[in-house]
Amino acid sequence: MNCPGEDLVAAMEAVSGQQVPKDMNRQISKGANELDLVRSGLDDTMRMAFQDIHEVMKTYPDIKDYRTAM
């Protein structure tokens, strides 16, 4: 089973008619490592938390700062 990066490289080669250089192919083809996944999850959590806090500020006009909205 191909990882998504390998499929992307294959598509790039098919469209361009040229082979992707080996070092670039390796970099694109490698999947996410554990640190990438942790950072991605943290990013999602922080975005959702900010959206919730921002919604509280919009709902209650008397709240003037993000810290109070938490």
N, C-alpha and C. Protein backbone atom coordinates (compact mmCIF):
# COMPACT_ATOMS: atom_id res chain seq x y z
N MET A 1 0.84 -1.19 0.00
CA MET A 1 0.00 0.00 0.00
C MET A 1 0.89 1.25 0.00
N ASN A 2 0.60 2.17 -0.90
CA ASN A 2 1.38 3.40 -1.00
C ASN A 2 0.93 4.40 0.06
N CYS A 3 1.90 5.17 0.55
CA CYS A 3 1.53 6.27 1.42
C CYS A 3 1.11 7.44 0.53
N PRO A 4 0.35 8.39 1.06
CA PRO A 4 -0.13 9.51 0.23
C PRO A 4 0.99 10.26 -0.48
N GLY A 5 2.16 10.35 0.14
CA GLY A 5 3.29 11.04 -0.49
C GLY A 5 3.76 10.35 -1.76
N GLU A 6 3.74 9.03 -1.75
CA GLU A 6 4.15 8.28 -2.95
C GLU A 6 3.15 8.50 -4.08
N ASP A 7 1.88 8.56 -3.75
CA ASP A 7 0.86 8.83 -4.76
C ASP A 7 1.02 10.24 -5.34
N LEU A 8 1.39 11.19 -4.49
CA LEU A 8 1.61 12.56 -4.94
C LEU A 8 2.79 12.62 -5.90
N VAL A 9 3.87 11.95 -5.56
CA VAL A 9 5.05 11.92 -6.43
C VAL A 9 4.69 11.29 -7.77
N ALA A 10 3.95 10.19 -7.74
CA ALA A 10 3.55 9.52 -8.98
C ALA A 10 2.69 10.45 -9.84
N ALA A 11 1.79 11.19 -9.22
CA ALA A 11 0.94 12.12 -9.96
C ALA A 11 1.77 13.25 -10.56
N MET A 12 2.72 13.77 -9.79
CA MET A 12 3.60 14.84 -10.30
C MET A 12 4.39 14.36 -11.51
N GLU A 13 4.89 13.13 -11.43
CA GLU A 13 5.67 12.59 -12.54
C GLU A 13 4.78 12.35 -13.76
N ALA A 14 3.56 11.88 -13.54
CA ALA A 14 2.65 11.63 -14.65
C ALA A 14 2.26 12.93 -15.36
N VAL A 15 2.00 13.96 -14.59
CA VAL A 15 1.59 15.24 -15.17
C VAL A 15 2.75 15.94 -15.88
N SER A 16 3.92 15.91 -15.25
CA SER A 16 5.06 16.65 -15.81
C SER A 16 5.81 15.87 -16.88
N GLY A 17 5.67 14.54 -16.85
CA GLY A 17 6.43 13.72 -17.79
C GLY A 17 7.89 13.61 -17.41
N GLN A 18 8.25 14.07 -16.22
CA GLN A 18 9.63 14.00 -15.75
C GLN A 18 9.67 13.28 -14.41
N GLN A 19 10.82 12.68 -14.12
CA GLN A 19 10.98 11.99 -12.85
C GLN A 19 11.40 12.98 -11.77
N VAL A 20 10.79 12.85 -10.59
CA VAL A 20 11.15 13.68 -9.44
C VAL A 20 12.52 13.21 -8.94
N PRO A 21 13.45 14.15 -8.67
CA PRO A 21 14.77 13.75 -8.16
C PRO A 21 14.65 12.89 -6.90
N LYS A 22 15.57 11.92 -6.75
CA LYS A 22 15.48 10.94 -5.67
C LYS A 22 15.42 11.58 -4.28
N ASP A 23 16.26 12.59 -4.02
CA ASP A 23 16.24 13.20 -2.69
C ASP A 23 14.91 13.90 -2.41
N MET A 24 14.35 14.55 -3.41
CA MET A 24 13.05 15.20 -3.27
C MET A 24 11.95 14.15 -3.12
N ASN A 25 12.06 13.06 -3.88
CA ASN A 25 11.09 11.97 -3.80
C ASN A 25 11.05 11.40 -2.39
N ARG A 26 12.22 11.16 -1.79
CA ARG A 26 12.28 10.62 -0.42
C ARG A 26 11.63 11.57 0.57
N GLN A 27 11.89 12.86 0.41
CA GLN A 27 11.36 13.85 1.35
C GLN A 27 9.84 13.95 1.24
N ILE A 28 9.33 13.93 0.01
CA ILE A 28 7.88 14.02 -0.20
C ILE A 28 7.19 12.72 0.22
N SER A 29 7.82 11.58 -0.07
CA SER A 29 7.19 10.28 0.15
C SER A 29 7.12 9.85 1.60
N LYS A 30 8.04 10.34 2.43
CA LYS A 30 8.03 9.88 3.82
C LYS A 30 6.76 10.40 4.50
N GLY A 31 6.20 9.58 5.31
CA GLY A 31 4.97 9.95 6.03
C GLY A 31 5.28 10.81 7.24
N ALA A 32 4.23 11.20 7.92
CA ALA A 32 4.38 12.01 9.12
C ALA A 32 5.00 11.16 10.22
N ASN A 33 5.88 11.78 11.00
CA ASN A 33 6.44 11.07 12.15
C ASN A 33 5.61 11.39 13.39
N GLU A 34 5.98 10.82 14.51
CA GLU A 34 5.18 10.99 15.73
C GLU A 34 5.10 12.45 16.15
N LEU A 35 6.20 13.18 16.04
CA LEU A 35 6.21 14.59 16.42
C LEU A 35 5.28 15.40 15.52
N ASP A 36 5.27 15.12 14.22
CA ASP A 36 4.36 15.81 13.30
C ASP A 36 2.90 15.59 13.71
N LEU A 37 2.57 14.35 14.08
CA LEU A 37 1.20 14.03 14.48
C LEU A 37 0.81 14.73 15.78
N VAL A 38 1.74 14.77 16.75
CA VAL A 38 1.46 15.44 18.01
C VAL A 38 1.24 16.93 17.78
N ARG A 39 2.12 17.54 16.98
CA ARG A 39 1.98 18.98 16.71
C ARG A 39 0.68 19.29 15.97
N SER A 40 0.31 18.43 15.05
CA SER A 40 -0.94 18.62 14.31
C SER A 40 -2.13 18.55 15.26
N GLY A 41 -2.12 17.57 16.17
CA GLY A 41 -3.21 17.44 17.14
C GLY A 41 -3.28 18.64 18.07
N LEU A 42 -2.13 19.12 18.51
CA LEU A 42 -2.08 20.30 19.38
C LEU A 42 -2.61 21.52 18.64
N ASP A 43 -2.23 21.67 17.38
CA ASP A 43 -2.70 22.79 16.57
C ASP A 43 -4.22 22.76 16.46
N ASP A 44 -4.79 21.59 16.18
CA ASP A 44 -6.25 21.46 16.07
C ASP A 44 -6.93 21.83 17.39
N THR A 45 -6.38 21.34 18.50
CA THR A 45 -6.95 21.62 19.82
C THR A 45 -6.93 23.11 20.12
N MET A 46 -5.82 23.76 19.81
CA MET A 46 -5.70 25.20 20.08
C MET A 46 -6.65 26.01 19.20
N ARG A 47 -6.82 25.62 17.95
CA ARG A 47 -7.74 26.33 17.06
C ARG A 47 -9.18 26.21 17.56
N MET A 48 -9.56 25.00 17.95
CA MET A 48 -10.94 24.80 18.44
C MET A 48 -11.18 25.56 19.74
N ALA A 49 -10.18 25.57 20.63
CA ALA A 49 -10.32 26.30 21.89
C ALA A 49 -10.48 27.80 21.63
N PHE A 50 -9.68 28.33 20.70
CA PHE A 50 -9.80 29.75 20.39
C PHE A 50 -11.18 30.06 19.79
N GLN A 51 -11.67 29.20 18.92
CA GLN A 51 -13.00 29.42 18.34
C GLN A 51 -14.07 29.46 19.43
N ASP A 52 -13.96 28.56 20.40
CA ASP A 52 -14.92 28.55 21.51
C ASP A 52 -14.83 29.84 22.32
N ILE A 53 -13.63 30.26 22.64
CA ILE A 53 -13.45 31.49 23.42
C ILE A 53 -13.96 32.70 22.64
N HIS A 54 -13.66 32.74 21.35
CA HIS A 54 -14.11 33.85 20.52
C HIS A 54 -15.64 33.89 20.45
N GLU A 55 -16.25 32.73 20.39
CA GLU A 55 -17.72 32.66 20.35
C GLU A 55 -18.33 33.20 21.66
N VAL A 56 -17.69 32.91 22.78
CA VAL A 56 -18.16 33.44 24.06
C VAL A 56 -18.08 34.96 24.04
N MET A 57 -17.00 35.51 23.51
CA MET A 57 -16.86 36.98 23.44
C MET A 57 -17.94 37.60 22.57
N LYS A 58 -18.27 36.93 21.46
CA LYS A 58 -19.32 37.47 20.57
C LYS A 58 -20.70 37.36 21.23
N THR A 59 -20.91 36.32 22.01
CA THR A 59 -22.22 36.09 22.64
C THR A 59 -22.46 37.04 23.80
N TYR A 60 -21.42 37.35 24.54
CA TYR A 60 -21.55 38.20 25.72
C TYR A 60 -20.73 39.48 25.52
N PRO A 61 -21.39 40.55 25.04
CA PRO A 61 -20.66 41.80 24.74
C PRO A 61 -19.98 42.44 25.96
N ASP A 62 -20.42 42.10 27.15
CA ASP A 62 -19.79 42.70 28.34
C ASP A 62 -18.41 42.10 28.62
N ILE A 63 -18.07 40.98 27.99
CA ILE A 63 -16.74 40.40 28.14
C ILE A 63 -15.81 41.12 27.16
N LYS A 64 -14.76 41.72 27.67
CA LYS A 64 -13.91 42.58 26.86
C LYS A 64 -12.55 41.98 26.49
N ASP A 65 -12.17 40.86 27.11
CA ASP A 65 -10.88 40.27 26.78
C ASP A 65 -10.98 38.75 26.74
N TYR A 66 -10.02 38.15 26.06
CA TYR A 66 -10.03 36.69 25.87
C TYR A 66 -9.83 35.93 27.18
N ARG A 67 -9.04 36.48 28.06
CA ARG A 67 -8.78 35.79 29.33
C ARG A 67 -10.08 35.62 30.13
N THR A 68 -10.89 36.65 30.15
CA THR A 68 -12.17 36.58 30.86
C THR A 68 -13.14 35.64 30.16
N ALA A 69 -13.04 35.57 28.85
CA ALA A 69 -13.94 34.70 28.07
C ALA A 69 -13.67 33.23 28.31
N MET A 70 -12.49 32.89 28.82
CA MET A 70 -12.15 31.48 29.04
C MET A 70 -13.03 30.97 30.14
